[in-house]
Protein backbone atom coordinates (compact mmCIF):
# COMPACT_ATOMS: atom_id res chain seq x y z
CA GLY A 1 9.30 11.39 -3.19
CA GLY A 2 5.64 12.05 -2.51
CA LEU A 3 5.46 9.67 0.35
CA ARG A 4 8.46 11.10 1.90
CA GLU A 5 7.13 14.67 1.67
CA LEU A 6 3.81 13.64 3.25
CA LEU A 7 5.60 12.07 6.10
CA ARG A 8 7.72 15.07 6.61
CA GLY A 9 4.56 17.31 6.59
CA ALA A 10 2.84 15.15 9.13
CA PRO A 11 5.36 13.93 11.67
CA GLY A 12 4.15 11.43 14.27
CA VAL A 13 1.03 10.52 12.27
CA PRO A 14 0.67 6.71 11.91
CA ILE A 15 0.66 5.04 8.50
CA LEU A 16 -2.10 2.56 7.83
CA PRO A 17 -1.08 0.12 5.05
CA VAL A 18 -4.06 -1.05 3.06
CA THR A 19 -4.16 -3.84 0.42
CA SER A 20 -6.98 -3.70 -2.10
CA TYR A 21 -7.50 -6.64 -4.48
CA GLY A 22 -9.68 -7.74 -7.35
CA GLY A 23 -9.84 -4.43 -9.18
CA SER A 24 -7.28 -5.45 -11.77
CA LEU A 25 -9.53 -8.27 -12.75
CA LEU A 26 -12.76 -6.21 -12.72
CA PHE A 27 -11.31 -3.45 -14.76
CA SER A 28 -9.04 -5.48 -17.03
CA ARG A 29 -11.14 -4.72 -20.11
CA SER A 30 -12.38 -1.23 -19.06
CA LEU A 31 -15.72 -2.78 -18.03
CA LYS A 32 -16.40 -3.87 -21.59
CA PRO A 33 -17.98 -6.48 -20.99
CA ILE A 34 -18.42 -6.32 -17.30
CA VAL A 35 -16.51 -9.12 -15.64
CA ARG A 36 -18.76 -11.13 -13.32
CA ASN A 37 -18.06 -13.03 -10.08
CA VAL A 38 -14.89 -10.97 -9.29
CA GLU A 39 -14.07 -10.81 -5.58
CA LEU A 40 -13.09 -7.30 -4.48
CA GLY A 41 -11.55 -6.83 -1.09
CA MET A 42 -9.46 -4.72 1.24
CA VAL A 43 -7.22 -5.74 4.08
CA PHE A 44 -6.25 -3.19 6.68
CA HIS A 45 -2.87 -3.88 8.24
CA ALA A 46 -1.58 -2.83 11.62
CA PRO A 47 -0.74 0.94 11.77
CA PHE A 48 2.74 2.08 12.64
CA THR A 49 4.43 5.47 13.12
CA PRO A 50 7.85 5.91 11.44
CA SER A 51 10.47 7.84 13.28
CA SER A 52 12.05 11.00 11.90
CA ALA A 53 15.22 9.06 11.35
CA ASP A 54 13.21 6.64 9.09
CA ILE A 55 12.21 9.61 6.90
CA GLU A 56 15.41 11.52 6.78
CA ASP A 57 18.07 8.75 6.35
CA ASP A 58 18.11 7.48 2.87
CA ALA A 59 18.80 3.78 3.80
CA ARG A 60 16.18 3.70 6.48
CA TYR A 61 13.71 5.26 4.27
CA GLU A 62 14.21 2.74 1.51
CA ALA A 63 13.80 -0.02 4.09
CA LEU A 64 10.61 1.62 5.26
CA VAL A 65 9.28 1.66 1.69
CA LYS A 66 10.29 -1.93 1.02
CA SER A 67 8.59 -3.00 4.36
CA LEU A 68 5.42 -1.16 3.23
CA GLU A 69 5.45 -2.83 -0.16
CA SER A 70 6.05 -6.23 1.45
CA THR A 71 3.25 -5.71 3.90
CA ILE A 72 0.76 -4.71 1.18
CA ALA A 73 1.74 -7.47 -1.23
CA SER A 74 1.50 -10.12 1.50
CA ALA A 75 -2.26 -9.96 1.50
CA LEU A 76 -2.70 -10.03 -2.29
CA PRO A 77 -4.35 -13.21 -3.66
CA ARG A 78 -2.15 -15.15 -6.00
CA ALA A 79 -4.28 -14.27 -8.95
CA ASP A 80 -3.68 -10.51 -8.50
């Protein structure tokens, strides 16, 4: 519900999906010992602006969330 409330509070503001990767490998042991040679990265995807119907209609909102999840997951390396 937090995303939906943010979108309601800032209508017309674009969403910028970002994928970050490598952190799960780096922090897998709480930095004890520090894991070396871990590639950290970020991928910035194309921004888009959801319509008010995307936010208020339950089915469209669920589709929006699934689309965001898919976009973010598409840039994850297989190891993450």
